[in-house]
Amino acid sequence: MSDSDYLRFNRAQWDERAPAHAASPDYALDRFREDPAYLSDVVRFDLPRLGSVAGLRGVHLQCHIGTDTVSLARLGARMTGLDFSAASVAQARELAAACGADVEFVESDVYAAADVLPEGAFDLVFTGIGALCWIPSVARWADVVARLLAPGGRLFLREGHPMLWALGDPRPDGLVTVEHPYVERAEPTVWDEPGTYVETDHEFEHTVTHEWNHGLGQIFTALTAAGLQVTSLEEHDSAPWNPLGDYCEPAGHEGEFRLRDRPWRVPFTYTLQAVKG
């Protein structure tokens, strides 16, 4: 499959959903506009791990509508956001302007990030929830991260756990089973889903997506091969959305959900950090 094939399907899906996401209360854009101290749930969750980013030059890869990007800017980082969806970039720019955040947003496929942004110029590369599943090769992505980072620069990644992405829908008897690939495969998993993950009454026309899972070992190996040293990896039993409906309950962190029954059975997300030597 060529890049143009999967990008065409995925970009059409994100272009159509960006306005619905911006209008949804789940992304809390009104709170961003009203409260200059408000941070996204994803960034707030990882504040103890993130540490101070004040004065750092950062780039948020696959930034979508920019809520995490603006949050990092509010913490003092000089941020650039990059996304392949023109509609997402437009929403991100509107949000930053409304918040008075000095953030640059660039429209580009993530694999071309080091071609459209200055190489070796960033102290921080940030990637948030639900980004890596849209790329066919995690090794190619890791090379881009390495090209963007300055020596001593840091990758900060909070992502859905590949074990979660491998799960099927819960069965009627309550069991959660592994139904989808855990490791990266050449061929994508093709989905045809009419809705989206936020509250909306909008009926979507573009419903087909191409996605890939990437095992933790593959991610670790790809980063190491690209010249980065993984410095921390934490697996979490919660996610900043409800991935399994009635089988989940609110967790201890605002906006997070975990399995209602024996949540230690499966990790939902992870936080990984790596440094370029």
Protein backbone atom coordinates (compact mmCIF):
# COMPACT_ATOMS: atom_id res chain seq x y z
CA MET A 1 0.00 0.00 0.00
CA SER A 2 1.35 3.42 -0.96
CA ASP A 3 1.36 6.41 1.37
CA SER A 4 -1.25 8.12 -0.79
CA ASP A 5 -3.75 5.26 -0.32
CA TYR A 6 -3.96 5.20 3.46
CA LEU A 7 -3.42 8.95 3.78
CA ARG A 8 -6.36 9.64 1.49
CA PHE A 9 -8.76 7.63 3.64
CA ASN A 10 -7.41 8.80 6.98
CA ARG A 11 -7.10 12.46 6.07
CA ALA A 12 -10.69 12.57 4.80
CA GLN A 13 -11.86 11.06 8.09
CA TRP A 14 -9.96 13.58 10.23
CA ASP A 15 -10.87 16.56 8.06
CA GLU A 16 -14.54 15.73 8.52
CA ARG A 17 -14.32 15.08 12.24
CA ALA A 18 -12.20 18.07 13.30
CA PRO A 19 -15.12 20.55 13.45
CA ALA A 20 -17.26 18.04 15.36
CA HIS A 21 -14.45 17.47 17.85
CA ALA A 22 -13.95 21.22 18.30
CA ALA A 23 -17.68 21.65 19.00
CA SER A 24 -17.85 18.74 21.44
CA PRO A 25 -17.69 19.30 25.21
CA ASP A 26 -15.22 16.41 25.40
CA TYR A 27 -12.41 18.64 24.10
CA ALA A 28 -13.47 21.49 26.42
CA LEU A 29 -12.51 24.32 24.08
CA ASP A 30 -14.78 26.69 26.03
CA ARG A 31 -12.77 25.98 29.19
CA PHE A 32 -9.56 26.74 27.33
CA ARG A 33 -10.97 30.08 26.21
CA GLU A 34 -12.38 31.01 29.62
CA ASP A 35 -9.58 29.84 31.93
CA PRO A 36 -5.98 30.80 31.03
CA ALA A 37 -4.68 28.13 33.40
CA TYR A 38 -6.74 25.27 32.01
CA LEU A 39 -4.81 22.26 30.68
CA SER A 40 -5.93 19.23 28.68
CA ASP A 41 -6.59 16.03 30.61
CA VAL A 42 -3.69 14.32 28.81
CA VAL A 43 -1.11 16.94 29.76
CA ARG A 44 -2.49 17.33 33.29
CA PHE A 45 -2.20 13.57 33.89
CA ASP A 46 1.50 13.59 33.02
CA LEU A 47 2.57 16.76 34.83
CA PRO A 48 4.57 14.79 37.45
CA ARG A 49 6.52 13.07 34.65
CA LEU A 50 6.76 16.01 32.30
CA GLY A 51 8.62 18.31 34.68
CA SER A 52 9.32 21.90 33.73
CA VAL A 53 9.11 22.69 30.01
CA ALA A 54 9.49 26.45 30.45
CA GLY A 55 11.66 27.92 27.71
CA LEU A 56 11.93 24.67 25.76
CA ARG A 57 11.35 24.68 22.02
CA GLY A 58 8.82 21.92 21.44
CA VAL A 59 6.96 20.30 18.59
CA HIS A 60 3.75 18.34 18.99
CA LEU A 61 3.49 15.72 16.25
CA GLN A 62 -0.02 14.77 15.09
CA CYS A 63 -1.47 17.57 17.19
CA HIS A 64 -5.09 17.35 15.91
CA ILE A 65 -7.03 20.45 17.11
CA GLY A 66 -4.23 21.63 19.37
CA THR A 67 -5.49 21.22 22.93
CA ASP A 68 -2.35 19.45 24.16
CA THR A 69 -0.19 21.87 22.14
CA VAL A 70 -1.78 24.93 23.74
CA SER A 71 -1.49 23.26 27.15
CA LEU A 72 2.27 22.83 26.72
CA ALA A 73 2.55 26.45 25.60
CA ARG A 74 0.71 27.47 28.78
CA LEU A 75 3.41 25.64 30.73
CA GLY A 76 6.03 27.86 29.12
CA ALA A 77 7.22 25.85 26.11
CA ARG A 78 7.64 27.55 22.71
CA MET A 79 5.42 25.19 20.76
CA THR A 80 4.88 24.18 17.17
CA GLY A 81 2.02 21.82 16.29
CA LEU A 82 2.00 19.62 13.19
CA ASP A 83 -0.88 17.67 11.67
CA PHE A 84 -1.77 16.32 8.23
CA SER A 85 -5.40 17.43 8.43
CA ALA A 86 -6.06 20.95 7.12
CA ALA A 87 -9.32 21.10 9.05
CA SER A 88 -7.58 20.11 12.30
CA VAL A 89 -4.86 22.71 11.78
CA ALA A 90 -7.51 25.37 11.14
CA GLN A 91 -9.28 24.51 14.40
CA ALA A 92 -5.96 24.50 16.28
CA ARG A 93 -5.08 27.95 14.96
CA GLU A 94 -8.49 29.28 16.00
CA LEU A 95 -8.06 27.86 19.49
CA ALA A 96 -4.56 29.30 19.92
CA ALA A 97 -5.74 32.72 18.73
CA ALA A 98 -8.72 32.67 21.09
CA CYS A 99 -6.42 31.75 23.98
CA GLY A 100 -3.70 34.25 23.09
CA ALA A 101 -1.23 31.38 22.79
CA ASP A 102 1.84 31.98 20.63
CA VAL A 103 1.83 28.62 18.83
CA GLU A 104 2.75 27.91 15.23
CA PHE A 105 0.72 25.21 13.46
CA VAL A 106 2.01 23.46 10.34
CA GLU A 107 0.05 21.24 7.96
CA SER A 108 2.14 18.18 7.05
CA ASP A 109 2.21 14.42 7.17
CA VAL A 110 4.23 13.32 10.19
CA TYR A 111 6.75 11.48 8.04
CA ALA A 112 7.64 14.79 6.35
CA ALA A 113 7.97 16.70 9.63
CA ALA A 114 11.78 16.89 9.49
CA ASP A 115 11.56 18.18 5.91
CA VAL A 116 9.21 21.08 6.70
CA LEU A 117 10.61 21.91 10.16
CA PRO A 118 14.24 22.65 11.09
CA GLU A 119 16.24 19.53 11.91
CA GLY A 120 17.88 19.28 15.32
CA ALA A 121 16.06 22.38 16.56
CA PHE A 122 13.72 21.00 19.21
CA ASP A 123 14.30 20.31 22.89
CA LEU A 124 11.00 18.43 23.17
CA VAL A 125 9.04 16.24 20.78
CA PHE A 126 5.59 15.51 22.20
CA THR A 127 3.13 12.91 20.93
CA GLY A 128 -0.22 12.30 22.60
CA ILE A 129 -3.00 9.76 22.74
CA GLY A 130 -4.16 8.10 19.52
CA ALA A 131 -1.33 9.14 17.21
CA LEU A 132 0.87 6.12 16.46
CA CYS A 133 -2.00 3.95 15.22
CA TRP A 134 -2.18 6.11 12.06
CA ILE A 135 1.37 5.36 10.90
CA PRO A 136 2.42 2.16 9.10
CA SER A 137 6.04 2.10 10.32
CA VAL A 138 7.09 3.05 13.82
CA ALA A 139 10.76 2.81 12.76
CA ARG A 140 10.22 5.50 10.15
CA TRP A 141 8.49 7.66 12.77
CA ALA A 142 11.37 7.19 15.23
CA ASP A 143 13.82 8.41 12.59
CA VAL A 144 11.74 11.57 12.18
CA VAL A 145 11.76 12.14 15.95
CA ALA A 146 15.53 11.74 16.04
CA ARG A 147 16.00 14.20 13.17
CA LEU A 148 13.87 16.83 14.89
CA LEU A 149 15.50 16.61 18.33
CA ALA A 150 18.55 18.59 19.31
CA PRO A 151 21.32 16.66 21.12
CA GLY A 152 20.04 16.05 24.65
CA GLY A 153 16.45 16.70 23.50
CA ARG A 154 13.62 14.58 24.81
CA LEU A 155 10.74 12.61 23.33
CA PHE A 156 7.64 12.55 25.53
CA LEU A 157 4.99 10.06 24.45
CA ARG A 158 1.64 9.28 26.10
CA GLU A 159 -0.21 6.71 24.05
CA GLY A 160 -2.90 4.11 24.06
CA HIS A 161 -1.34 0.80 25.01
CA PRO A 162 -0.93 -1.71 22.17
CA MET A 163 -2.61 -4.27 24.43
CA LEU A 164 -5.72 -2.08 24.57
CA TRP A 165 -5.72 -1.62 20.80
CA ALA A 166 -5.55 -5.42 20.41
CA LEU A 167 -8.72 -6.04 22.44
CA GLY A 168 -12.07 -6.83 20.88
CA ASP A 169 -15.41 -5.67 22.21
CA PRO A 170 -16.30 -7.23 25.60
CA ARG A 171 -18.29 -10.43 25.28
CA PRO A 172 -21.76 -10.88 26.82
CA ASP A 173 -20.18 -12.95 29.60
CA GLY A 174 -17.91 -10.02 30.50
CA LEU A 175 -14.69 -11.50 29.21
CA VAL A 176 -12.29 -9.21 27.35
CA THR A 177 -10.47 -11.02 24.56
CA VAL A 178 -7.57 -10.32 22.22
CA GLU A 179 -8.97 -9.99 18.70
CA HIS A 180 -6.63 -7.66 16.77
CA PRO A 181 -2.88 -7.50 16.05
CA TYR A 182 -0.61 -6.51 18.93
CA VAL A 183 2.47 -6.10 16.75
CA GLU A 184 3.02 -3.99 13.66
CA ARG A 185 2.12 -5.76 10.42
CA ALA A 186 2.60 -4.63 6.84
CA GLU A 187 -1.11 -4.59 6.09
CA PRO A 188 -3.37 -2.23 8.03
CA THR A 189 -6.47 -3.07 9.99
CA VAL A 190 -9.28 -1.46 8.00
CA TRP A 191 -12.20 -0.06 9.96
CA ASP A 192 -15.54 1.24 8.76
CA GLU A 193 -17.00 3.15 11.72
CA PRO A 194 -19.89 5.61 11.30
CA GLY A 195 -19.27 7.61 14.48
CA THR A 196 -16.43 9.14 16.43
CA TYR A 197 -15.16 9.11 19.99
CA VAL A 198 -16.85 12.35 21.15
CA GLU A 199 -20.47 13.34 21.70
CA THR A 200 -21.94 14.59 18.42
CA ASP A 201 -25.12 14.32 16.37
CA HIS A 202 -23.24 14.78 13.11
CA GLU A 203 -23.59 12.02 10.52
CA PHE A 204 -20.26 11.41 8.84
CA GLU A 205 -19.67 10.60 5.20
CA HIS A 206 -16.05 9.42 5.49
CA THR A 207 -16.02 6.35 7.72
CA VAL A 208 -13.17 4.10 6.47
CA THR A 209 -9.75 4.26 8.15
CA HIS A 210 -6.48 2.31 7.89
CA GLU A 211 -4.68 1.73 11.19
CA TRP A 212 -1.69 -0.14 12.59
CA ASN A 213 -0.73 -1.34 16.04
CA HIS A 214 2.88 -1.24 17.27
CA GLY A 215 4.07 -3.46 20.12
CA LEU A 216 6.05 -1.93 22.97
CA GLY A 217 9.10 -3.93 21.95
CA GLN A 218 8.90 -2.59 18.40
CA ILE A 219 8.60 0.99 19.66
CA PHE A 220 11.54 0.55 22.05
CA THR A 221 13.68 -1.06 19.33
CA ALA A 222 12.81 1.64 16.76
CA LEU A 223 13.76 4.46 19.12
CA THR A 224 17.01 2.77 20.10
CA ALA A 225 17.94 2.14 16.46
CA ALA A 226 17.30 5.83 15.72
CA GLY A 227 19.85 6.84 18.36
CA LEU A 228 17.57 7.60 21.30
CA GLN A 229 17.92 6.20 24.80
CA VAL A 230 14.66 5.24 26.48
CA THR A 231 14.81 6.72 29.97
CA SER A 232 11.40 5.78 31.36
CA LEU A 233 8.38 3.68 30.54
CA GLU A 234 5.26 3.60 32.73
CA GLU A 235 2.16 1.56 31.95
CA HIS A 236 -1.17 2.88 33.24
CA ASP A 237 -4.44 1.07 33.93
CA SER A 238 -6.45 4.10 32.81
CA ALA A 239 -7.12 6.12 29.64
CA PRO A 240 -8.44 9.68 29.10
CA TRP A 241 -11.58 8.34 27.42
CA ASN A 242 -13.90 5.40 28.02
CA PRO A 243 -12.65 2.63 25.70
CA LEU A 244 -14.96 -0.18 26.79
CA GLY A 245 -18.28 1.43 27.68
CA ASP A 246 -20.15 -0.06 30.63
CA TYR A 247 -17.14 -2.22 31.48
CA CYS A 248 -15.25 0.89 32.62
CA GLU A 249 -15.62 3.37 35.48
CA PRO A 250 -14.02 6.73 36.31
CA ALA A 251 -10.47 6.36 37.58
CA GLY A 252 -8.64 8.42 40.18
CA HIS A 253 -7.57 11.12 37.71
CA GLU A 254 -9.97 13.64 36.17
CA GLY A 255 -11.17 12.45 32.78
CA GLU A 256 -9.57 8.99 33.12
CA PHE A 257 -11.36 5.61 32.95
CA ARG A 258 -10.29 2.10 33.91
CA LEU A 259 -11.84 -1.37 33.87
CA ARG A 260 -14.58 -1.71 36.48
CA ASP A 261 -13.71 -5.35 37.19
CA ARG A 262 -10.06 -6.14 38.08
CA PRO A 263 -8.44 -3.19 36.29
CA TRP A 264 -4.99 -4.71 36.80
CA ARG A 265 -5.73 -7.21 34.03
CA VAL A 266 -4.75 -4.92 31.16
CA PRO A 267 -2.89 -1.62 30.72
CA PHE A 268 -4.84 1.06 28.89
CA THR A 269 -2.07 3.60 28.21
CA TYR A 270 1.63 4.19 28.74
CA THR A 271 4.04 7.12 29.09
CA LEU A 272 7.46 6.77 27.49
CA GLN A 273 10.39 9.17 27.51
CA ALA A 274 13.58 8.97 25.47
CA VAL A 275 16.61 11.24 25.05
CA LYS A 276 18.75 11.87 22.00
CA GLY A 277 22.45 11.44 22.73
